[in-house]
């Protein structure tokens, strides 16, 4: 049950990240600094650059989260405690990374809206 809670929390954090990315890029003229995201966005042929970046962020986050949720499902179904421990550690690291990503967006909004 803990793995499912962590997985769903990770999903919620990723959705919040996509929302904050959309607000920052579309409405506050934020710049995406991840060159991989920018390169992948160039593969999309329609929409403005900002629209393509937001779509690319959304697709990449949701794909990663789908893989994480599939791995959580497989770990919950497995009998091995080692798999559960590895999944727990992986989800914990992912959650910490997402908290840092969201904190960076909050800091960005604080700086942009504060000036």
PDB file of N, CA and C in Angstrom:
ATOM      1  N   UNK A   1       0.818  -1.190   0.000  1.00  0.00           N
ATOM      2  CA  UNK A   1       0.000   0.000   0.000  1.00  0.00           C
ATOM      3  C   UNK A   1       0.869   1.265   0.000  1.00  0.00           C
ATOM      4  N   UNK A   2       2.006   1.227   0.697  1.00  0.00           N
ATOM      5  CA  UNK A   2       2.903   2.377   0.747  1.00  0.00           C
ATOM      6  C   UNK A   2       3.446   2.699  -0.638  1.00  0.00           C
ATOM      7  N   UNK A   3       3.768   1.663  -1.414  1.00  0.00           N
ATOM      8  CA  UNK A   3       4.286   1.900  -2.762  1.00  0.00           C
ATOM      9  C   UNK A   3       3.238   2.591  -3.627  1.00  0.00           C
ATOM     10  N   UNK A   4       1.991   2.177  -3.493  1.00  0.00           N
ATOM     11  CA  UNK A   4       0.929   2.814  -4.273  1.00  0.00           C
ATOM     12  C   UNK A   4       0.756   4.271  -3.863  1.00  0.00           C
ATOM     13  N   UNK A   5       0.809   4.544  -2.573  1.00  0.00           N
ATOM     14  CA  UNK A   5       0.683   5.926  -2.109  1.00  0.00           C
ATOM     15  C   UNK A   5       1.827   6.783  -2.653  1.00  0.00           C
ATOM     16  N   UNK A   6       3.033   6.233  -2.594  1.00  0.00           N
ATOM     17  CA  UNK A   6       4.184   6.982  -3.113  1.00  0.00           C
ATOM     18  C   UNK A   6       4.053   7.190  -4.620  1.00  0.00           C
ATOM     19  N   UNK A   7       3.610   6.168  -5.323  1.00  0.00           N
ATOM     20  CA  UNK A   7       3.426   6.280  -6.772  1.00  0.00           C
ATOM     21  C   UNK A   7       2.377   7.320  -7.129  1.00  0.00           C
ATOM     22  N   UNK A   8       1.266   7.323  -6.414  1.00  0.00           N
ATOM     23  CA  UNK A   8       0.215   8.304  -6.679  1.00  0.00           C
ATOM     24  C   UNK A   8       0.651   9.719  -6.286  1.00  0.00           C
ATOM     25  N   UNK A   9       1.435   9.830  -5.219  1.00  0.00           N
ATOM     26  CA  UNK A   9       1.986  11.136  -4.844  1.00  0.00           C
ATOM     27  C   UNK A   9       2.915  11.643  -5.941  1.00  0.00           C
ATOM     28  N   UNK A  10       3.723  10.746  -6.489  1.00  0.00           N
ATOM     29  CA  UNK A  10       4.615  11.115  -7.590  1.00  0.00           C
ATOM     30  C   UNK A  10       3.808  11.562  -8.800  1.00  0.00           C
ATOM     31  N   UNK A  11       2.708  10.886  -9.090  1.00  0.00           N
ATOM     32  CA  UNK A  11       1.837  11.283 -10.190  1.00  0.00           C
ATOM     33  C   UNK A  11       1.266  12.681  -9.940  1.00  0.00           C
ATOM     34  N   UNK A  12       0.796  12.931  -8.732  1.00  0.00           N
ATOM     35  CA  UNK A  12       0.240  14.247  -8.400  1.00  0.00           C
ATOM     36  C   UNK A  12       1.306  15.337  -8.517  1.00  0.00           C
ATOM     37  N   UNK A  13       2.516  15.065  -8.038  1.00  0.00           N
ATOM     38  CA  UNK A  13       3.600  16.044  -8.144  1.00  0.00           C
ATOM     39  C   UNK A  13       3.967  16.315  -9.596  1.00  0.00           C
ATOM     40  N   UNK A  14       3.944  15.286 -10.431  1.00  0.00           N
ATOM     41  CA  UNK A  14       4.286  15.486 -11.841  1.00  0.00           C
ATOM     42  C   UNK A  14       3.220  16.313 -12.543  1.00  0.00           C
ATOM     43  N   UNK A  15       1.957  16.081 -12.199  1.00  0.00           N
ATOM     44  CA  UNK A  15       0.891  16.883 -12.796  1.00  0.00           C
ATOM     45  C   UNK A  15       1.026  18.339 -12.352  1.00  0.00           C
ATOM     46  N   UNK A  16       1.324  18.553 -11.070  1.00  0.00           N
ATOM     47  CA  UNK A  16       1.542  19.912 -10.579  1.00  0.00           C
ATOM     48  C   UNK A  16       2.741  20.554 -11.277  1.00  0.00           C
ATOM     49  N   UNK A  17       3.782  19.778 -11.532  1.00  0.00           N
ATOM     50  CA  UNK A  17       4.952  20.283 -12.245  1.00  0.00           C
ATOM     51  C   UNK A  17       4.569  20.721 -13.654  1.00  0.00           C
ATOM     52  N   UNK A  18       3.757  19.927 -14.334  1.00  0.00           N
ATOM     53  CA  UNK A  18       3.323  20.278 -15.680  1.00  0.00           C
ATOM     54  C   UNK A  18       2.472  21.551 -15.652  1.00  0.00           C
ATOM     55  N   UNK A  19       1.613  21.680 -14.658  1.00  0.00           N
ATOM     56  CA  UNK A  19       0.788  22.888 -14.535  1.00  0.00           C
ATOM     57  C   UNK A  19       1.667  24.115 -14.317  1.00  0.00           C
ATOM     58  N   UNK A  20       2.636  23.995 -13.394  1.00  0.00           N
ATOM     59  CA  UNK A  20       3.535  25.117 -13.130  1.00  0.00           C
ATOM     60  C   UNK A  20       4.405  25.439 -14.338  1.00  0.00           C
ATOM     61  N   UNK A  21       4.853  24.407 -15.056  1.00  0.00           N
ATOM     62  CA  UNK A  21       5.631  24.629 -16.275  1.00  0.00           C
ATOM     63  C   UNK A  21       4.787  25.370 -17.299  1.00  0.00           C
ATOM     64  N   UNK A  22       3.531  24.959 -17.446  1.00  0.00           N
ATOM     65  CA  UNK A  22       2.638  25.608 -18.404  1.00  0.00           C
ATOM     66  C   UNK A  22       2.441  27.077 -18.045  1.00  0.00           C
ATOM     67  N   UNK A  23       2.196  27.354 -16.783  1.00  0.00           N
ATOM     68  CA  UNK A  23       2.010  28.744 -16.347  1.00  0.00           C
ATOM     69  C   UNK A  23       3.277  29.553 -16.587  1.00  0.00           C
ATOM     70  N   UNK A  24       4.412  28.986 -16.196  1.00  0.00           N
ATOM     71  CA  UNK A  24       5.674  29.706 -16.333  1.00  0.00           C
ATOM     72  C   UNK A  24       6.049  29.982 -17.771  1.00  0.00           C
ATOM     73  N   UNK A  25       5.888  28.988 -18.635  1.00  0.00           N
ATOM     74  CA  UNK A  25       6.314  29.150 -20.027  1.00  0.00           C
ATOM     75  C   UNK A  25       5.295  29.950 -20.834  1.00  0.00           C
ATOM     76  N   UNK A  26       4.004  29.640 -20.666  1.00  0.00           N
ATOM     77  CA  UNK A  26       2.989  30.287 -21.496  1.00  0.00           C
ATOM     78  C   UNK A  26       2.628  31.697 -21.039  1.00  0.00           C
ATOM     79  N   UNK A  27       2.546  31.906 -19.735  1.00  0.00           N
ATOM     80  CA  UNK A  27       2.026  33.175 -19.249  1.00  0.00           C
ATOM     81  C   UNK A  27       3.090  34.112 -18.679  1.00  0.00           C
ATOM     82  N   UNK A  28       4.212  33.577 -18.209  1.00  0.00           N
ATOM     83  CA  UNK A  28       5.237  34.429 -17.614  1.00  0.00           C
ATOM     84  C   UNK A  28       6.514  34.464 -18.446  1.00  0.00           C
ATOM     85  N   UNK A  29       6.449  33.956 -19.670  1.00  0.00           N
ATOM     86  CA  UNK A  29       7.581  33.946 -20.599  1.00  0.00           C
ATOM     87  C   UNK A  29       8.829  33.318 -19.980  1.00  0.00           C
ATOM     88  N   UNK A  30       8.618  32.260 -19.219  1.00  0.00           N
ATOM     89  CA  UNK A  30       9.757  31.524 -18.668  1.00  0.00           C
ATOM     90  C   UNK A  30      10.498  30.804 -19.779  1.00  0.00           C
ATOM     91  N   UNK A  31      11.756  30.558 -19.573  1.00  0.00           N
ATOM     92  CA  UNK A  31      12.573  29.868 -20.566  1.00  0.00           C
ATOM     93  C   UNK A  31      12.868  28.459 -20.076  1.00  0.00           C
ATOM     94  N   UNK A  32      12.627  27.490 -20.935  1.00  0.00           N
ATOM     95  CA  UNK A  32      12.965  26.113 -20.601  1.00  0.00           C
ATOM     96  C   UNK A  32      14.466  25.957 -20.761  1.00  0.00           C
ATOM     97  N   UNK A  33      15.142  25.541 -19.701  1.00  0.00           N
ATOM     98  CA  UNK A  33      16.609  25.451 -19.716  1.00  0.00           C
ATOM     99  C   UNK A  33      17.121  24.043 -20.016  1.00  0.00           C
ATOM    100  N   UNK A  34      16.206  23.092 -20.116  1.00  0.00           N
ATOM    101  CA  UNK A  34      16.618  21.727 -20.382  1.00  0.00           C
ATOM    102  C   UNK A  34      16.786  21.550 -21.893  1.00  0.00           C
ATOM    103  N   UNK A  35      18.030  21.374 -22.379  1.00  0.00           N
ATOM    104  CA  UNK A  35      18.233  21.276 -23.829  1.00  0.00           C
ATOM    105  C   UNK A  35      17.554  20.059 -24.452  1.00  0.00           C
ATOM    106  N   UNK A  36      17.403  18.979 -23.693  1.00  0.00           N
ATOM    107  CA  UNK A  36      16.717  17.797 -24.229  1.00  0.00           C
ATOM    108  C   UNK A  36      15.247  18.110 -24.503  1.00  0.00           C
ATOM    109  N   UNK A  37      14.598  18.808 -23.566  1.00  0.00           N
ATOM    110  CA  UNK A  37      13.199  19.185 -23.761  1.00  0.00           C
ATOM    111  C   UNK A  37      13.066  20.098 -24.979  1.00  0.00           C
ATOM    112  N   UNK A  38      13.970  21.045 -25.112  1.00  0.00           N
ATOM    113  CA  UNK A  38      13.920  21.976 -26.244  1.00  0.00           C
ATOM    114  C   UNK A  38      14.121  21.224 -27.561  1.00  0.00           C
ATOM    115  N   UNK A  39      15.076  20.288 -27.599  1.00  0.00           N
ATOM    116  CA  UNK A  39      15.312  19.492 -28.808  1.00  0.00           C
ATOM    117  C   UNK A  39      14.090  18.653 -29.158  1.00  0.00           C
ATOM    118  N   UNK A  40      13.515  17.988 -28.150  1.00  0.00           N
ATOM    119  CA  UNK A  40      12.326  17.170 -28.401  1.00  0.00           C
ATOM    120  C   UNK A  40      11.157  18.034 -28.861  1.00  0.00           C
ATOM    121  N   UNK A  41      11.049  19.233 -28.320  1.00  0.00           N
ATOM    122  CA  UNK A  41       9.967  20.142 -28.723  1.00  0.00           C
ATOM    123  C   UNK A  41      10.103  20.541 -30.190  1.00  0.00           C
ATOM    124  N   UNK A  42      11.330  20.596 -30.688  1.00  0.00           N
ATOM    125  CA  UNK A  42      11.543  20.947 -32.100  1.00  0.00           C
ATOM    126  C   UNK A  42      11.010  19.878 -33.049  1.00  0.00           C
ATOM    127  N   UNK A  43      10.814  18.659 -32.562  1.00  0.00           N
ATOM    128  CA  UNK A  43      10.264  17.595 -33.401  1.00  0.00           C
ATOM    129  C   UNK A  43       8.774  17.785 -33.655  1.00  0.00           C
ATOM    130  N   UNK A  44       8.115  18.517 -32.778  1.00  0.00           N
ATOM    131  CA  UNK A  44       6.684  18.765 -32.953  1.00  0.00           C
ATOM    132  C   UNK A  44       6.544  19.914 -33.952  1.00  0.00           C
ATOM    133  N   UNK A  45       5.710  19.727 -34.950  1.00  0.00           N
ATOM    134  CA  UNK A  45       5.647  20.677 -36.060  1.00  0.00           C
ATOM    135  C   UNK A  45       4.564  21.749 -35.924  1.00  0.00           C
ATOM    136  N   UNK A  46       3.657  21.650 -34.985  1.00  0.00           N
ATOM    137  CA  UNK A  46       2.574  22.637 -34.905  1.00  0.00           C
ATOM    138  C   UNK A  46       2.633  23.390 -33.584  1.00  0.00           C
ATOM    139  N   UNK A  47       2.056  24.569 -33.599  1.00  0.00           N
ATOM    140  CA  UNK A  47       2.015  25.391 -32.396  1.00  0.00           C
ATOM    141  C   UNK A  47       3.245  26.274 -32.267  1.00  0.00           C
ATOM    142  N   UNK A  48       3.167  27.180 -31.305  1.00  0.00           N
ATOM    143  CA  UNK A  48       4.306  28.053 -31.033  1.00  0.00           C
ATOM    144  C   UNK A  48       5.379  27.268 -30.275  1.00  0.00           C
ATOM    145  N   UNK A  49       6.546  27.863 -30.151  1.00  0.00           N
ATOM    146  CA  UNK A  49       7.634  27.212 -29.412  1.00  0.00           C
ATOM    147  C   UNK A  49       7.202  26.906 -27.978  1.00  0.00           C
ATOM    148  N   UNK A  50       6.528  27.856 -27.336  1.00  0.00           N
ATOM    149  CA  UNK A  50       6.079  27.649 -25.961  1.00  0.00           C
ATOM    150  C   UNK A  50       5.072  26.503 -25.869  1.00  0.00           C
ATOM    151  N   UNK A  51       4.136  26.434 -26.823  1.00  0.00           N
ATOM    152  CA  UNK A  51       3.159  25.343 -26.835  1.00  0.00           C
ATOM    153  C   UNK A  51       3.853  23.993 -26.994  1.00  0.00           C
ATOM    154  N   UNK A  52       4.837  23.947 -27.883  1.00  0.00           N
ATOM    155  CA  UNK A  52       5.562  22.687 -28.121  1.00  0.00           C
ATOM    156  C   UNK A  52       6.344  22.266 -26.883  1.00  0.00           C
ATOM    157  N   UNK A  53       6.940  23.237 -26.174  1.00  0.00           N
ATOM    158  CA  UNK A  53       7.702  22.902 -24.966  1.00  0.00           C
ATOM    159  C   UNK A  53       6.781  22.359 -23.885  1.00  0.00           C
ATOM    160  N   UNK A  54       5.628  23.001 -23.689  1.00  0.00           N
ATOM    161  CA  UNK A  54       4.686  22.522 -22.674  1.00  0.00           C
ATOM    162  C   UNK A  54       4.186  21.124 -23.027  1.00  0.00           C
ATOM    163  N   UNK A  55       3.863  20.884 -24.295  1.00  0.00           N
ATOM    164  CA  UNK A  55       3.416  19.556 -24.713  1.00  0.00           C
ATOM    165  C   UNK A  55       4.515  18.520 -24.503  1.00  0.00           C
ATOM    166  N   UNK A  56       5.743  18.874 -24.826  1.00  0.00           N
ATOM    167  CA  UNK A  56       6.868  17.954 -24.632  1.00  0.00           C
ATOM    168  C   UNK A  56       7.080  17.650 -23.156  1.00  0.00           C
ATOM    169  N   UNK A  57       7.000  18.669 -22.313  1.00  0.00           N
ATOM    170  CA  UNK A  57       7.117  18.447 -20.864  1.00  0.00           C
ATOM    171  C   UNK A  57       6.010  17.517 -20.398  1.00  0.00           C
ATOM    172  N   UNK A  58       4.788  17.779 -20.834  1.00  0.00           N
ATOM    173  CA  UNK A  58       3.654  16.946 -20.421  1.00  0.00           C
ATOM    174  C   UNK A  58       3.861  15.498 -20.855  1.00  0.00           C
ATOM    175  N   UNK A  59       4.216  15.301 -22.114  1.00  0.00           N
ATOM    176  CA  UNK A  59       4.409  13.932 -22.615  1.00  0.00           C
ATOM    177  C   UNK A  59       5.546  13.214 -21.895  1.00  0.00           C
ATOM    178  N   UNK A  60       6.653  13.902 -21.662  1.00  0.00           N
ATOM    179  CA  UNK A  60       7.794  13.255 -21.010  1.00  0.00           C
ATOM    180  C   UNK A  60       7.465  12.906 -19.557  1.00  0.00           C
ATOM    181  N   UNK A  61       6.802  13.820 -18.851  1.00  0.00           N
ATOM    182  CA  UNK A  61       6.464  13.549 -17.448  1.00  0.00           C
ATOM    183  C   UNK A  61       5.468  12.415 -17.346  1.00  0.00           C
ATOM    184  N   UNK A  62       4.428  12.441 -18.166  1.00  0.00           N
ATOM    185  CA  UNK A  62       3.402  11.405 -18.084  1.00  0.00           C
ATOM    186  C   UNK A  62       3.953  10.039 -18.512  1.00  0.00           C
ATOM    187  N   UNK A  63       4.857  10.025 -19.477  1.00  0.00           N
ATOM    188  CA  UNK A  63       5.480   8.760 -19.873  1.00  0.00           C
ATOM    189  C   UNK A  63       6.333   8.211 -18.732  1.00  0.00           C
ATOM    190  N   UNK A  64       7.125   9.078 -18.110  1.00  0.00           N
ATOM    191  CA  UNK A  64       7.951   8.630 -16.981  1.00  0.00           C
ATOM    192  C   UNK A  64       7.082   8.130 -15.835  1.00  0.00           C
ATOM    193  N   UNK A  65       6.010   8.829 -15.538  1.00  0.00           N
ATOM    194  CA  UNK A  65       5.136   8.427 -14.438  1.00  0.00           C
ATOM    195  C   UNK A  65       4.415   7.133 -14.776  1.00  0.00           C
ATOM    196  N   UNK A  66       4.022   6.945 -16.032  1.00  0.00           N
ATOM    197  CA  UNK A  66       3.387   5.688 -16.424  1.00  0.00           C
ATOM    198  C   UNK A  66       4.349   4.515 -16.210  1.00  0.00           C
ATOM    199  N   UNK A  67       5.610   4.719 -16.547  1.00  0.00           N
ATOM    200  CA  UNK A  67       6.614   3.674 -16.322  1.00  0.00           C
ATOM    201  C   UNK A  67       6.786   3.413 -14.826  1.00  0.00           C
ATOM    202  N   UNK A  68       6.812   4.474 -14.018  1.00  0.00           N
ATOM    203  CA  UNK A  68       6.948   4.309 -12.571  1.00  0.00           C
ATOM    204  C   UNK A  68       5.745   3.555 -12.004  1.00  0.00           C
ATOM    205  N   UNK A  69       4.538   3.925 -12.420  1.00  0.00           N
ATOM    206  CA  UNK A  69       3.347   3.242 -11.921  1.00  0.00           C
ATOM    207  C   UNK A  69       3.310   1.779 -12.363  1.00  0.00           C
ATOM    208  N   UNK A  70       3.762   1.499 -13.567  1.00  0.00           N
ATOM    209  CA  UNK A  70       3.850   0.111 -14.021  1.00  0.00           C
ATOM    210  C   UNK A  70       4.861  -0.661 -13.170  1.00  0.00           C
ATOM    211  N   UNK A  71       5.992  -0.028 -12.862  1.00  0.00           N
ATOM    212  CA  UNK A  71       6.991  -0.678 -12.011  1.00  0.00           C
ATOM    213  C   UNK A  71       6.447  -0.888 -10.596  1.00  0.00           C
ATOM    214  N   UNK A  72       5.689   0.076 -10.085  1.00  0.00           N
ATOM    215  CA  UNK A  72       5.072  -0.084  -8.764  1.00  0.00           C
ATOM    216  C   UNK A  72       4.105  -1.263  -8.795  1.00  0.00           C
ATOM    217  N   UNK A  73       3.300  -1.338  -9.838  1.00  0.00           N
ATOM    218  CA  UNK A  73       2.352  -2.448  -9.964  1.00  0.00           C
ATOM    219  C   UNK A  73       3.085  -3.790  -9.984  1.00  0.00           C
ATOM    220  N   UNK A  74       4.171  -3.857 -10.731  1.00  0.00           N
ATOM    221  CA  UNK A  74       4.939  -5.101 -10.799  1.00  0.00           C
ATOM    222  C   UNK A  74       5.572  -5.426  -9.446  1.00  0.00           C
ATOM    223  N   UNK A  75       6.065  -4.411  -8.739  1.00  0.00           N
ATOM    224  CA  UNK A  75       6.685  -4.640  -7.430  1.00  0.00           C
ATOM    225  C   UNK A  75       5.658  -5.091  -6.405  1.00  0.00           C
ATOM    226  N   UNK A  76       4.467  -4.508  -6.458  1.00  0.00           N
ATOM    227  CA  UNK A  76       3.416  -4.905  -5.510  1.00  0.00           C
ATOM    228  C   UNK A  76       3.012  -6.345  -5.756  1.00  0.00           C
ATOM    229  N   UNK A  77       2.972  -6.770  -7.012  1.00  0.00           N
ATOM    230  CA  UNK A  77       2.583  -8.141  -7.347  1.00  0.00           C
ATOM    231  C   UNK A  77       3.692  -9.161  -7.051  1.00  0.00           C
ATOM    232  N   UNK A  78       4.940  -8.701  -6.946  1.00  0.00           N
ATOM    233  CA  UNK A  78       6.041  -9.635  -6.721  1.00  0.00           C
ATOM    234  C   UNK A  78       6.064 -10.084  -5.264  1.00  0.00           C
ATOM    235  N   UNK A  79       6.693 -11.205  -5.033  1.00  0.00           N
ATOM    236  CA  UNK A  79       6.798 -11.760  -3.684  1.00  0.00           C
ATOM    237  C   UNK A  79       8.101 -11.358  -2.993  1.00  0.00           C
ATOM    238  N   UNK A  80       9.010 -10.814  -3.761  1.00  0.00           N
ATOM    239  CA  UNK A  80      10.344 -10.539  -3.234  1.00  0.00           C
ATOM    240  C   UNK A  80      10.375  -9.209  -2.476  1.00  0.00           C
ATOM    241  N   UNK A  81      10.854  -9.261  -1.232  1.00  0.00           N
ATOM    242  CA  UNK A  81      10.971  -8.036  -0.429  1.00  0.00           C
ATOM    243  C   UNK A  81      12.066  -7.132  -0.986  1.00  0.00           C
ATOM    244  N   UNK A  82      13.058  -7.710  -1.646  1.00  0.00           N
ATOM    245  CA  UNK A  82      14.143  -6.921  -2.224  1.00  0.00           C
ATOM    246  C   UNK A  82      13.605  -5.990  -3.299  1.00  0.00           C
ATOM    247  N   UNK A  83      12.729  -6.466  -4.143  1.00  0.00           N
ATOM    248  CA  UNK A  83      12.134  -5.627  -5.177  1.00  0.00           C
ATOM    249  C   UNK A  83      11.353  -4.473  -4.560  1.00  0.00           C
ATOM    250  N   UNK A  84      10.629  -4.766  -3.499  1.00  0.00           N
ATOM    251  CA  UNK A  84       9.861  -3.715  -2.832  1.00  0.00           C
ATOM    252  C   UNK A  84      10.785  -2.660  -2.236  1.00  0.00           C
ATOM    253  N   UNK A  85      11.885  -3.080  -1.655  1.00  0.00           N
ATOM    254  CA  UNK A  85      12.834  -2.130  -1.071  1.00  0.00           C
ATOM    255  C   UNK A  85      13.464  -1.255  -2.151  1.00  0.00           C
ATOM    256  N   UNK A  86      13.844  -1.863  -3.272  1.00  0.00           N
ATOM    257  CA  UNK A  86      14.406  -1.090  -4.377  1.00  0.00           C
ATOM    258  C   UNK A  86      13.386  -0.110  -4.929  1.00  0.00           C
ATOM    259  N   UNK A  87      12.153  -0.548  -5.073  1.00  0.00           N
ATOM    260  CA  UNK A  87      11.104   0.338  -5.572  1.00  0.00           C
ATOM    261  C   UNK A  87      10.853   1.477  -4.592  1.00  0.00           C
ATOM    262  N   UNK A  88      10.842   1.168  -3.305  1.00  0.00           N
ATOM    263  CA  UNK A  88      10.641   2.192  -2.286  1.00  0.00           C
ATOM    264  C   UNK A  88      11.744   3.249  -2.364  1.00  0.00           C
ATOM    265  N   UNK A  89      12.983   2.801  -2.474  1.00  0.00           N
ATOM    266  CA  UNK A  89      14.105   3.746  -2.563  1.00  0.00           C
ATOM    267  C   UNK A  89      14.021   4.576  -3.844  1.00  0.00           C
ATOM    268  N   UNK A  90      13.677   3.943  -4.952  1.00  0.00           N
ATOM    269  CA  UNK A  90      13.542   4.659  -6.214  1.00  0.00           C
ATOM    270  C   UNK A  90      12.437   5.703  -6.164  1.00  0.00           C
ATOM    271  N   UNK A  91      11.303   5.334  -5.590  1.00  0.00           N
ATOM    272  CA  UNK A  91      10.205   6.290  -5.470  1.00  0.00           C
ATOM    273  C   UNK A  91      10.555   7.420  -4.514  1.00  0.00           C
ATOM    274  N   UNK A  92      11.261   7.105  -3.448  1.00  0.00           N
ATOM    275  CA  UNK A  92      11.667   8.132  -2.495  1.00  0.00           C
ATOM    276  C   UNK A  92      12.582   9.159  -3.158  1.00  0.00           C
ATOM    277  N   UNK A  93      13.544   8.679  -3.933  1.00  0.00           N
ATOM    278  CA  UNK A  93      14.442   9.582  -4.657  1.00  0.00           C
ATOM    279  C   UNK A  93      13.647  10.419  -5.665  1.00  0.00           C
ATOM    280  N   UNK A  94      12.731   9.783  -6.386  1.00  0.00           N
ATOM    281  CA  UNK A  94      11.906  10.508  -7.359  1.00  0.00           C
ATOM    282  C   UNK A  94      11.065  11.577  -6.680  1.00  0.00           C
ATOM    283  N   UNK A  95      10.492  11.255  -5.544  1.00  0.00           N
ATOM    284  CA  UNK A  95       9.685  12.225  -4.812  1.00  0.00           C
ATOM    285  C   UNK A  95      10.535  13.412  -4.365  1.00  0.00           C
ATOM    286  N   UNK A  96      11.738  13.139  -3.881  1.00  0.00           N
ATOM    287  CA  UNK A  96      12.625  14.222  -3.458  1.00  0.00           C
ATOM    288  C   UNK A  96      13.011  15.117  -4.642  1.00  0.00           C
ATOM    289  N   UNK A  97      13.272  14.492  -5.790  1.00  0.00           N
ATOM    290  CA  UNK A  97      13.605  15.267  -6.985  1.00  0.00           C
ATOM    291  C   UNK A  97      12.428  16.155  -7.379  1.00  0.00           C
ATOM    292  N   UNK A  98      11.222  15.596  -7.366  1.00  0.00           N
ATOM    293  CA  UNK A  98      10.053  16.383  -7.745  1.00  0.00           C
ATOM    294  C   UNK A  98       9.782  17.522  -6.767  1.00  0.00           C
ATOM    295  N   UNK A  99      10.003  17.287  -5.494  1.00  0.00           N
ATOM    296  CA  UNK A  99       9.838  18.373  -4.521  1.00  0.00           C
ATOM    297  C   UNK A  99      10.833  19.488  -4.840  1.00  0.00           C
ATOM    298  N   UNK A 100      12.061  19.121  -5.207  1.00  0.00           N
ATOM    299  CA  UNK A 100      13.048  20.126  -5.607  1.00  0.00           C
ATOM    300  C   UNK A 100      12.646  20.864  -6.871  1.00  0.00           C
ATOM    301  N   UNK A 101      12.093  20.144  -7.850  1.00  0.00           N
ATOM    302  CA  UNK A 101      11.646  20.775  -9.092  1.00  0.00           C
ATOM    303  C   UNK A 101      10.520  21.759  -8.806  1.00  0.00           C
ATOM    304  N   UNK A 102       9.555  21.339  -7.997  1.00  0.00           N
ATOM    305  CA  UNK A 102       8.445  22.232  -7.666  1.00  0.00           C
ATOM    306  C   UNK A 102       8.930  23.430  -6.856  1.00  0.00           C
ATOM    307  N   UNK A 103       9.878  23.212  -5.971  1.00  0.00           N
ATOM    308  CA  UNK A 103      10.429  24.326  -5.191  1.00  0.00           C
ATOM    309  C   UNK A 103      11.124  25.321  -6.113  1.00  0.00           C
ATOM    310  N   UNK A 104      11.791  24.835  -7.153  1.00  0.00           N
ATOM    311  CA  UNK A 104      12.453  25.749  -8.083  1.00  0.00           C
ATOM    312  C   UNK A 104      11.427  26.577  -8.854  1.00  0.00           C
ATOM    313  N   UNK A 105      10.282  25.979  -9.205  1.00  0.00           N
ATOM    314  CA  UNK A 105       9.228  26.745  -9.871  1.00  0.00           C
ATOM    315  C   UNK A 105       8.644  27.789  -8.929  1.00  0.00           C
ATOM    316  N   UNK A 106       8.410  27.411  -7.681  1.00  0.00           N
ATOM    317  CA  UNK A 106       7.888  28.375  -6.706  1.00  0.00           C
ATOM    318  C   UNK A 106       8.873  29.532  -6.551  1.00  0.00           C
ATOM    319  N   UNK A 107      10.157  29.213  -6.482  1.00  0.00           N
ATOM    320  CA  UNK A 107      11.183  30.255  -6.381  1.00  0.00           C
ATOM    321  C   UNK A 107      11.164  31.134  -7.626  1.00  0.00           C
ATOM    322  N   UNK A 108      11.027  30.532  -8.797  1.00  0.00           N
ATOM    323  CA  UNK A 108      10.950  31.297 -10.052  1.00  0.00           C
ATOM    324  C   UNK A 108       9.761  32.255 -10.019  1.00  0.00           C
ATOM    325  N   UNK A 109       8.590  31.751  -9.628  1.00  0.00           N
ATOM    326  CA  UNK A 109       7.400  32.601  -9.562  1.00  0.00           C
ATOM    327  C   UNK A 109       7.595  33.716  -8.537  1.00  0.00           C
ATOM    328  N   UNK A 110       8.234  33.401  -7.441  1.00  0.00           N
ATOM    329  CA  UNK A 110       8.493  34.408  -6.403  1.00  0.00           C
ATOM    330  C   UNK A 110       9.369  35.526  -6.970  1.00  0.00           C
ATOM    331  N   UNK A 111      10.405  35.153  -7.715  1.00  0.00           N
ATOM    332  CA  UNK A 111      11.315  36.151  -8.289  1.00  0.00           C
ATOM    333  C   UNK A 111      10.622  36.965  -9.381  1.00  0.00           C
ATOM    334  N   UNK A 112       9.869  36.297 -10.260  1.00  0.00           N
ATOM    335  CA  UNK A 112       9.235  36.979 -11.391  1.00  0.00           C
ATOM    336  C   UNK A 112       8.115  37.902 -10.899  1.00  0.00           C
ATOM    337  N   UNK A 113       7.261  37.370 -10.046  1.00  0.00           N
ATOM    338  CA  UNK A 113       6.126  38.168  -9.586  1.00  0.00           C
ATOM    339  C   UNK A 113       6.526  39.188  -8.538  1.00  0.00           C
ATOM    340  N   UNK A 114       7.667  38.957  -7.892  1.00  0.00           N
ATOM    341  CA  UNK A 114       8.129  39.891  -6.867  1.00  0.00           C
ATOM    342  C   UNK A 114       8.819  41.119  -7.438  1.00  0.00           C
ATOM    343  N   UNK A 115       9.249  41.015  -8.708  1.00  0.00           N
ATOM    344  CA  UNK A 115       9.956  42.167  -9.278  1.00  0.00           C
ATOM    345  C   UNK A 115       9.089  43.037 -10.152  1.00  0.00           C
TER     346      UNK A 115
END
